[in-house]
């Protein structure tokens, strides 16, 4: 959603920080995983809905990444993240003023290593 808003309403953004996420892409090779047993810290139905929604790559969103005018910081979670890091590198190449920082912490960088996350984000926001 942040990508779409930054592309279509760039005047609303002074800076953009994205954490280990990219626009939708074809995930047909990665079906929805089986639901783990036991209680979960999130709503499994939401995960299934997300997989259905992002199942097809939205070429328009990818094509419009160049329309993002805000300086952008993209924090990647590194090789332990489930997000394909090569997709994040592609985003960084397409967004005109994008800095890609990799912090090897997995998908939830801000909760796994909050000090490292803040060390990357705060100076970016202070510029």
N, C-alpha and C. Protein backbone atom coordinates (compact mmCIF):
# COMPACT_ATOMS: atom_id res chain seq x y z
N UNK A 1 0.82 -1.18 0.00
CA UNK A 1 0.00 0.00 0.00
C UNK A 1 0.87 1.26 0.00
N UNK A 2 1.95 1.25 0.77
CA UNK A 2 2.82 2.43 0.83
C UNK A 2 3.39 2.74 -0.55
N UNK A 3 3.78 1.70 -1.29
CA UNK A 3 4.30 1.93 -2.63
C UNK A 3 3.25 2.63 -3.50
N UNK A 4 2.04 2.10 -3.50
CA UNK A 4 0.98 2.64 -4.33
C UNK A 4 0.68 4.10 -3.98
N UNK A 5 0.60 4.40 -2.69
CA UNK A 5 0.34 5.78 -2.27
C UNK A 5 1.49 6.70 -2.66
N UNK A 6 2.71 6.26 -2.46
CA UNK A 6 3.87 7.10 -2.79
C UNK A 6 3.97 7.35 -4.29
N UNK A 7 3.49 6.41 -5.09
CA UNK A 7 3.51 6.57 -6.54
C UNK A 7 2.41 7.52 -7.02
N UNK A 8 1.23 7.38 -6.45
CA UNK A 8 0.07 8.11 -6.96
C UNK A 8 -0.18 9.43 -6.25
N UNK A 9 0.38 9.60 -5.05
CA UNK A 9 0.19 10.84 -4.29
C UNK A 9 1.54 11.29 -3.70
N UNK A 10 2.51 11.50 -4.55
CA UNK A 10 3.86 11.80 -4.06
C UNK A 10 3.94 13.06 -3.21
N UNK A 11 3.03 13.98 -3.40
CA UNK A 11 3.04 15.22 -2.63
C UNK A 11 2.79 14.99 -1.14
N UNK A 12 2.29 13.85 -0.77
CA UNK A 12 2.01 13.53 0.63
C UNK A 12 3.24 13.01 1.38
N UNK A 13 4.33 12.79 0.69
CA UNK A 13 5.49 12.15 1.30
C UNK A 13 6.71 13.06 1.30
N UNK A 14 7.27 13.27 2.49
CA UNK A 14 8.56 13.97 2.59
C UNK A 14 9.69 12.95 2.57
N UNK A 15 9.46 11.82 3.20
CA UNK A 15 10.40 10.70 3.24
C UNK A 15 9.57 9.42 3.32
N UNK A 16 10.16 8.33 2.87
CA UNK A 16 9.48 7.04 2.87
C UNK A 16 10.43 5.99 3.43
N UNK A 17 9.99 5.29 4.47
CA UNK A 17 10.77 4.19 5.04
C UNK A 17 9.96 2.92 4.85
N UNK A 18 10.58 1.93 4.23
CA UNK A 18 9.95 0.63 3.97
C UNK A 18 10.80 -0.45 4.62
N UNK A 19 10.13 -1.38 5.27
CA UNK A 19 10.85 -2.45 5.96
C UNK A 19 10.56 -3.80 5.31
N UNK A 20 11.55 -4.32 4.62
CA UNK A 20 11.55 -5.68 4.09
C UNK A 20 10.25 -6.02 3.35
N UNK A 21 9.85 -5.14 2.45
CA UNK A 21 8.65 -5.38 1.66
C UNK A 21 8.83 -4.84 0.26
N UNK A 22 8.17 -5.46 -0.68
CA UNK A 22 8.21 -4.99 -2.06
C UNK A 22 6.81 -5.05 -2.65
N UNK A 23 6.60 -4.42 -3.80
CA UNK A 23 5.28 -4.51 -4.43
C UNK A 23 4.94 -5.96 -4.78
N UNK A 24 3.66 -6.22 -5.06
CA UNK A 24 3.24 -7.58 -5.40
C UNK A 24 4.01 -8.13 -6.61
N UNK A 25 4.23 -9.42 -6.59
CA UNK A 25 4.88 -10.11 -7.71
C UNK A 25 4.32 -11.52 -7.77
N UNK A 26 4.58 -12.20 -8.85
CA UNK A 26 4.05 -13.53 -9.06
C UNK A 26 4.62 -14.51 -8.03
N UNK A 27 3.75 -15.01 -7.19
CA UNK A 27 4.17 -15.97 -6.16
C UNK A 27 3.62 -17.37 -6.44
N UNK A 28 3.29 -17.63 -7.69
CA UNK A 28 2.68 -18.92 -8.01
C UNK A 28 3.59 -20.09 -7.62
N UNK A 29 4.88 -19.85 -7.58
CA UNK A 29 5.81 -20.91 -7.17
C UNK A 29 5.84 -21.07 -5.65
N UNK A 30 5.21 -20.14 -4.92
CA UNK A 30 5.19 -20.19 -3.46
C UNK A 30 3.75 -20.21 -2.97
N UNK A 31 3.13 -21.39 -2.92
CA UNK A 31 1.74 -21.44 -2.46
C UNK A 31 1.64 -21.11 -0.97
N UNK A 32 0.41 -20.86 -0.54
CA UNK A 32 0.17 -20.59 0.87
C UNK A 32 0.65 -21.79 1.68
N UNK A 33 1.46 -21.56 2.68
CA UNK A 33 1.93 -22.69 3.50
C UNK A 33 0.78 -23.29 4.31
N UNK A 34 0.99 -24.49 4.79
CA UNK A 34 0.00 -25.10 5.67
C UNK A 34 -0.04 -24.35 6.99
N UNK A 35 -1.23 -24.23 7.55
CA UNK A 35 -1.38 -23.54 8.82
C UNK A 35 -0.70 -24.34 9.92
N UNK A 36 0.17 -23.70 10.69
CA UNK A 36 0.81 -24.41 11.81
C UNK A 36 -0.24 -24.79 12.86
N UNK A 37 0.04 -25.85 13.59
CA UNK A 37 -0.83 -26.26 14.68
C UNK A 37 -0.75 -25.27 15.83
N UNK A 38 -1.82 -25.20 16.58
CA UNK A 38 -1.83 -24.39 17.79
C UNK A 38 -2.18 -22.95 17.54
N UNK A 39 -2.21 -22.18 18.63
CA UNK A 39 -2.55 -20.76 18.52
C UNK A 39 -1.46 -19.98 17.80
N UNK A 40 -1.87 -18.94 17.09
CA UNK A 40 -0.93 -18.11 16.34
C UNK A 40 -1.02 -16.67 16.84
N UNK A 41 0.06 -15.91 16.72
CA UNK A 41 0.03 -14.51 17.17
C UNK A 41 -0.58 -13.57 16.11
N UNK A 42 -1.25 -14.14 15.09
CA UNK A 42 -1.88 -13.35 14.04
C UNK A 42 -3.05 -14.14 13.47
N UNK A 43 -3.86 -13.48 12.69
CA UNK A 43 -5.05 -14.09 12.10
C UNK A 43 -4.66 -14.81 10.81
N UNK A 44 -4.73 -16.13 10.80
CA UNK A 44 -4.32 -16.94 9.65
C UNK A 44 -5.11 -16.57 8.40
N UNK A 45 -6.38 -16.22 8.55
CA UNK A 45 -7.21 -15.85 7.40
C UNK A 45 -6.65 -14.61 6.70
N UNK A 46 -6.05 -13.72 7.45
CA UNK A 46 -5.44 -12.53 6.85
C UNK A 46 -4.26 -12.94 5.99
N UNK A 47 -3.45 -13.86 6.46
CA UNK A 47 -2.32 -14.34 5.68
C UNK A 47 -2.81 -14.94 4.37
N UNK A 48 -3.86 -15.75 4.44
CA UNK A 48 -4.40 -16.36 3.21
C UNK A 48 -4.91 -15.29 2.25
N UNK A 49 -5.55 -14.25 2.79
CA UNK A 49 -6.07 -13.17 1.95
C UNK A 49 -4.93 -12.40 1.30
N UNK A 50 -3.85 -12.19 2.06
CA UNK A 50 -2.69 -11.49 1.50
C UNK A 50 -2.09 -12.30 0.36
N UNK A 51 -1.93 -13.59 0.56
CA UNK A 51 -1.38 -14.44 -0.50
C UNK A 51 -2.25 -14.37 -1.74
N UNK A 52 -3.57 -14.38 -1.58
CA UNK A 52 -4.47 -14.31 -2.72
C UNK A 52 -4.35 -12.96 -3.43
N UNK A 53 -4.22 -11.90 -2.66
CA UNK A 53 -4.15 -10.55 -3.21
C UNK A 53 -2.86 -10.30 -3.96
N UNK A 54 -1.77 -10.82 -3.47
CA UNK A 54 -0.47 -10.56 -4.10
C UNK A 54 -0.03 -11.70 -5.00
N UNK A 55 -0.95 -12.57 -5.32
CA UNK A 55 -0.61 -13.73 -6.15
C UNK A 55 -0.15 -13.38 -7.54
N UNK A 56 -0.59 -12.25 -8.05
CA UNK A 56 -0.18 -11.83 -9.38
C UNK A 56 0.65 -10.56 -9.28
N UNK A 57 1.72 -10.52 -10.00
CA UNK A 57 2.57 -9.34 -9.99
C UNK A 57 1.83 -8.18 -10.64
N UNK A 58 1.79 -7.09 -9.96
CA UNK A 58 1.14 -5.90 -10.48
C UNK A 58 2.18 -5.09 -11.25
N UNK A 59 2.17 -5.26 -12.56
CA UNK A 59 3.15 -4.57 -13.40
C UNK A 59 3.04 -3.06 -13.26
N UNK A 60 1.81 -2.55 -13.10
CA UNK A 60 1.64 -1.10 -13.01
C UNK A 60 2.37 -0.54 -11.79
N UNK A 61 2.26 -1.22 -10.65
CA UNK A 61 2.94 -0.74 -9.44
C UNK A 61 4.46 -0.76 -9.66
N UNK A 62 4.97 -1.82 -10.25
CA UNK A 62 6.40 -1.91 -10.51
C UNK A 62 6.84 -0.85 -11.51
N UNK A 63 6.04 -0.65 -12.55
CA UNK A 63 6.40 0.33 -13.58
C UNK A 63 6.39 1.75 -13.04
N UNK A 64 5.59 2.01 -12.02
CA UNK A 64 5.47 3.36 -11.49
C UNK A 64 6.41 3.64 -10.31
N UNK A 65 7.28 2.70 -9.97
CA UNK A 65 8.22 2.96 -8.88
C UNK A 65 9.06 4.21 -9.16
N UNK A 66 9.31 4.49 -10.42
CA UNK A 66 10.08 5.69 -10.79
C UNK A 66 9.33 6.97 -10.47
N UNK A 67 8.03 6.88 -10.20
CA UNK A 67 7.22 8.06 -9.86
C UNK A 67 7.33 8.45 -8.39
N UNK A 68 7.99 7.64 -7.60
CA UNK A 68 8.17 7.97 -6.18
C UNK A 68 9.22 9.06 -6.09
N UNK A 69 8.83 10.21 -5.56
CA UNK A 69 9.73 11.35 -5.51
C UNK A 69 10.38 11.54 -4.15
N UNK A 70 9.83 10.94 -3.14
CA UNK A 70 10.38 11.10 -1.78
C UNK A 70 11.66 10.31 -1.64
N UNK A 71 12.65 10.88 -0.94
CA UNK A 71 13.81 10.07 -0.58
C UNK A 71 13.30 8.84 0.17
N UNK A 72 13.81 7.69 -0.21
CA UNK A 72 13.28 6.43 0.30
C UNK A 72 14.39 5.60 0.93
N UNK A 73 14.10 5.06 2.10
CA UNK A 73 14.99 4.11 2.76
C UNK A 73 14.30 2.77 2.76
N UNK A 74 14.93 1.79 2.17
CA UNK A 74 14.39 0.43 2.13
C UNK A 74 15.30 -0.45 2.99
N UNK A 75 14.74 -0.91 4.11
CA UNK A 75 15.50 -1.75 5.04
C UNK A 75 15.18 -3.20 4.71
N UNK A 76 16.18 -3.92 4.27
CA UNK A 76 16.04 -5.34 3.92
C UNK A 76 16.42 -6.20 5.12
N UNK A 77 15.75 -7.34 5.25
CA UNK A 77 15.99 -8.23 6.37
C UNK A 77 17.08 -9.26 6.14
N UNK A 78 17.65 -9.30 4.95
CA UNK A 78 18.75 -10.23 4.68
C UNK A 78 18.30 -11.63 4.35
N UNK A 79 19.25 -12.55 4.30
CA UNK A 79 18.99 -13.91 3.81
C UNK A 79 18.02 -14.73 4.66
N UNK A 80 17.80 -14.35 5.90
CA UNK A 80 16.86 -15.12 6.73
C UNK A 80 15.41 -14.64 6.58
N UNK A 81 15.21 -13.59 5.81
CA UNK A 81 13.85 -13.10 5.55
C UNK A 81 13.18 -13.98 4.50
N UNK A 82 11.85 -14.08 4.57
CA UNK A 82 11.11 -14.81 3.55
C UNK A 82 10.90 -13.97 2.29
N UNK A 83 11.17 -12.68 2.37
CA UNK A 83 11.01 -11.78 1.22
C UNK A 83 12.25 -11.95 0.34
N UNK A 84 12.05 -12.21 -0.95
CA UNK A 84 13.20 -12.35 -1.85
C UNK A 84 14.01 -11.06 -1.90
N UNK A 85 15.22 -11.12 -1.43
CA UNK A 85 16.06 -9.93 -1.34
C UNK A 85 16.40 -9.36 -2.71
N UNK A 86 16.40 -10.19 -3.74
CA UNK A 86 16.65 -9.68 -5.08
C UNK A 86 15.52 -8.76 -5.55
N UNK A 87 14.31 -8.99 -5.05
CA UNK A 87 13.18 -8.09 -5.37
C UNK A 87 13.41 -6.71 -4.73
N UNK A 88 13.94 -6.71 -3.52
CA UNK A 88 14.21 -5.44 -2.84
C UNK A 88 15.30 -4.68 -3.59
N UNK A 89 16.30 -5.38 -4.07
CA UNK A 89 17.36 -4.74 -4.85
C UNK A 89 16.77 -4.14 -6.13
N UNK A 90 15.81 -4.84 -6.73
CA UNK A 90 15.15 -4.32 -7.93
C UNK A 90 14.37 -3.05 -7.61
N UNK A 91 13.68 -3.03 -6.47
CA UNK A 91 12.96 -1.83 -6.05
C UNK A 91 13.94 -0.67 -5.91
N UNK A 92 15.05 -0.90 -5.23
CA UNK A 92 16.04 0.14 -4.99
C UNK A 92 16.59 0.71 -6.30
N UNK A 93 16.68 -0.12 -7.32
CA UNK A 93 17.15 0.36 -8.61
C UNK A 93 16.10 1.21 -9.32
N UNK A 94 14.83 0.91 -9.10
CA UNK A 94 13.76 1.61 -9.82
C UNK A 94 13.31 2.92 -9.15
N UNK A 95 13.42 3.00 -7.84
CA UNK A 95 13.03 4.22 -7.14
C UNK A 95 14.19 5.20 -7.27
N UNK A 96 13.93 6.42 -7.79
CA UNK A 96 15.03 7.33 -8.10
C UNK A 96 15.97 7.68 -6.94
N UNK A 97 15.44 7.92 -5.76
CA UNK A 97 16.28 8.32 -4.62
C UNK A 97 16.08 7.30 -3.50
N UNK A 98 16.59 6.11 -3.72
CA UNK A 98 16.37 5.01 -2.77
C UNK A 98 17.70 4.49 -2.24
N UNK A 99 17.76 4.36 -0.93
CA UNK A 99 18.91 3.75 -0.27
C UNK A 99 18.47 2.41 0.28
N UNK A 100 19.18 1.37 -0.10
CA UNK A 100 18.90 0.02 0.39
C UNK A 100 19.91 -0.33 1.47
N UNK A 101 19.39 -0.66 2.65
CA UNK A 101 20.23 -1.06 3.78
C UNK A 101 19.81 -2.47 4.18
N UNK A 102 20.76 -3.37 4.27
CA UNK A 102 20.44 -4.73 4.70
C UNK A 102 20.91 -4.93 6.13
N UNK A 103 19.97 -5.36 6.96
CA UNK A 103 20.26 -5.71 8.35
C UNK A 103 19.81 -7.15 8.51
N UNK A 104 20.74 -8.04 8.67
CA UNK A 104 20.45 -9.48 8.69
C UNK A 104 19.71 -9.85 9.97
N UNK A 105 18.39 -9.68 9.92
CA UNK A 105 17.57 -9.96 11.10
C UNK A 105 16.29 -10.70 10.75
N UNK A 106 16.08 -11.00 9.48
CA UNK A 106 14.82 -11.59 9.06
C UNK A 106 13.81 -10.51 8.73
N UNK A 107 12.57 -10.92 8.56
CA UNK A 107 11.53 -10.01 8.07
C UNK A 107 11.17 -8.90 9.05
N UNK A 108 11.17 -9.17 10.32
CA UNK A 108 10.77 -8.18 11.33
C UNK A 108 11.99 -7.49 11.93
N UNK A 109 12.67 -6.73 11.12
CA UNK A 109 13.92 -6.10 11.53
C UNK A 109 13.71 -5.24 12.78
N UNK A 110 12.65 -4.44 12.78
CA UNK A 110 12.44 -3.49 13.87
C UNK A 110 12.22 -4.17 15.22
N UNK A 111 11.70 -5.39 15.23
CA UNK A 111 11.51 -6.08 16.52
C UNK A 111 12.67 -6.99 16.87
N UNK A 112 13.36 -7.50 15.87
CA UNK A 112 14.48 -8.41 16.13
C UNK A 112 15.73 -7.67 16.58
N UNK A 113 16.01 -6.55 15.94
CA UNK A 113 17.19 -5.75 16.28
C UNK A 113 16.81 -4.27 16.26
N UNK A 114 16.02 -3.84 17.24
CA UNK A 114 15.51 -2.46 17.21
C UNK A 114 16.60 -1.39 17.20
N UNK A 115 17.69 -1.61 17.89
CA UNK A 115 18.76 -0.61 17.93
C UNK A 115 19.38 -0.43 16.54
N UNK A 116 19.61 -1.53 15.84
CA UNK A 116 20.18 -1.44 14.49
C UNK A 116 19.19 -0.79 13.53
N UNK A 117 17.91 -1.14 13.68
CA UNK A 117 16.88 -0.55 12.84
C UNK A 117 16.84 0.96 13.04
N UNK A 118 16.80 1.39 14.29
CA UNK A 118 16.77 2.83 14.59
C UNK A 118 18.04 3.54 14.13
N UNK A 119 19.17 2.85 14.21
CA UNK A 119 20.43 3.45 13.76
C UNK A 119 20.41 3.72 12.26
N UNK A 120 19.64 2.96 11.51
CA UNK A 120 19.50 3.20 10.07
C UNK A 120 18.42 4.23 9.79
N UNK A 121 17.31 4.17 10.49
CA UNK A 121 16.14 4.99 10.18
C UNK A 121 16.26 6.43 10.69
N UNK A 122 16.69 6.61 11.94
CA UNK A 122 16.68 7.95 12.52
C UNK A 122 17.56 8.96 11.76
N UNK A 123 18.78 8.61 11.39
CA UNK A 123 19.58 9.57 10.61
C UNK A 123 18.94 9.88 9.24
N UNK A 124 18.32 8.88 8.65
CA UNK A 124 17.64 9.10 7.37
C UNK A 124 16.50 10.10 7.54
N UNK A 125 15.72 9.95 8.59
CA UNK A 125 14.59 10.86 8.82
C UNK A 125 15.05 12.26 9.22
N UNK A 126 16.22 12.36 9.83
CA UNK A 126 16.73 13.65 10.30
C UNK A 126 17.35 14.48 9.18
N UNK A 127 17.60 13.88 8.03
CA UNK A 127 18.25 14.64 6.93
C UNK A 127 17.36 15.75 6.43
